[in-house]
Amino acid sequence: MFSPTYVNADSKAAKEMQDYYPQLLGSVLVIDAPSAIGAVWKVMKHLFPKSVVEKFDFIYPTKNEKDMKPLLKYVSKEHLP
């Protein structure tokens, strides 16, 4: 399913983007992702530099109230469903 050639190329591209354009990605909030996405991320994150991995946060505010705090840094509560 995953070709080592493509995975290696994607990893190199992610590293180059981070090295040369670090300001492009502040953080990524993945909100209420299906468990399959979390499982794929747990495997794939080892292919990326630590500095990229640290920018991804998987949060579940509908299940865990404390996960609302990171979301409220970017979106006001009045704009949330």
Protein backbone atom coordinates (compact mmCIF):
# COMPACT_ATOMS: atom_id res chain seq x y z
CA MET A 1 0.00 0.00 0.00
CA PHE A 2 2.76 2.47 0.92
CA SER A 3 5.71 2.58 -1.41
CA PRO A 4 8.99 3.20 0.44
CA THR A 5 10.09 5.39 -2.46
CA TYR A 6 7.11 7.71 -2.11
CA VAL A 7 7.23 7.74 1.69
CA ASN A 8 10.92 8.66 1.57
CA ALA A 9 10.25 11.42 -0.98
CA ASP A 10 7.38 12.81 1.14
CA SER A 11 9.59 12.78 4.22
CA LYS A 12 12.35 14.65 2.39
CA ALA A 13 9.85 17.18 1.03
CA ALA A 14 8.42 17.79 4.52
CA LYS A 15 11.92 18.29 5.90
CA GLU A 16 12.82 20.75 3.15
CA MET A 17 9.60 22.70 3.66
CA GLN A 18 10.26 22.91 7.39
CA ASP A 19 13.94 23.79 6.94
CA TYR A 20 13.44 26.46 4.29
CA TYR A 21 9.93 27.72 5.06
CA PRO A 22 9.31 27.14 8.80
CA GLN A 23 6.93 30.08 9.05
CA LEU A 24 4.42 28.40 6.73
CA LEU A 25 3.23 25.98 9.34
CA GLY A 26 2.50 27.26 12.82
CA SER A 27 0.36 24.39 14.00
CA VAL A 28 -2.26 21.94 12.80
CA LEU A 29 -5.27 21.02 14.90
CA VAL A 30 -6.90 17.79 13.84
CA ILE A 31 -10.34 17.90 15.43
CA ASP A 32 -12.45 14.82 16.18
CA ALA A 33 -10.58 12.69 13.65
CA PRO A 34 -11.71 9.09 13.18
CA SER A 35 -9.61 6.57 15.09
CA ALA A 36 -8.22 5.23 11.79
CA ILE A 37 -6.62 8.62 11.10
CA GLY A 38 -5.00 8.59 14.53
CA ALA A 39 -3.67 5.09 13.92
CA VAL A 40 -2.19 6.09 10.56
CA TRP A 41 -0.61 9.17 12.16
CA LYS A 42 1.01 7.07 14.89
CA VAL A 43 2.81 5.09 12.19
CA MET A 44 3.56 7.91 9.76
CA LYS A 45 4.79 10.49 12.29
CA HIS A 46 8.06 8.61 12.65
CA LEU A 47 8.87 9.52 9.05
CA PHE A 48 8.78 13.26 9.73
CA PRO A 49 11.23 15.47 11.63
CA LYS A 50 10.39 16.07 15.29
CA SER A 51 9.87 19.77 14.59
CA VAL A 52 7.05 18.91 12.17
CA VAL A 53 5.45 16.27 14.39
CA GLU A 54 5.30 18.70 17.32
CA LYS A 55 3.09 21.03 15.29
CA PHE A 56 0.27 18.48 14.98
CA ASP A 57 -2.32 18.18 17.74
CA PHE A 58 -5.16 15.67 17.68
CA ILE A 59 -7.95 17.03 19.85
CA TYR A 60 -11.43 15.75 20.67
CA PRO A 61 -13.38 18.67 22.18
CA THR A 62 -16.72 16.88 21.82
CA LYS A 63 -15.43 14.06 24.03
CA ASN A 64 -12.99 15.91 26.30
CA GLU A 65 -13.70 19.43 27.56
CA LYS A 66 -10.00 20.19 28.19
CA ASP A 67 -9.35 19.81 24.45
CA MET A 68 -11.41 22.94 23.90
CA LYS A 69 -8.59 25.16 25.22
CA PRO A 70 -6.20 24.76 22.22
CA LEU A 71 -9.12 25.30 19.84
CA LEU A 72 -10.17 28.51 21.57
CA LYS A 73 -6.70 29.96 20.86
CA TYR A 74 -7.71 30.17 17.20
CA VAL A 75 -11.54 30.28 17.14
CA SER A 76 -13.85 32.15 19.48
CA LYS A 77 -16.51 30.10 21.24
CA GLU A 78 -19.28 32.08 19.55
CA HIS A 79 -18.16 30.72 16.18
CA LEU A 80 -18.27 27.08 17.25
CA PRO A 81 -21.36 24.88 16.81
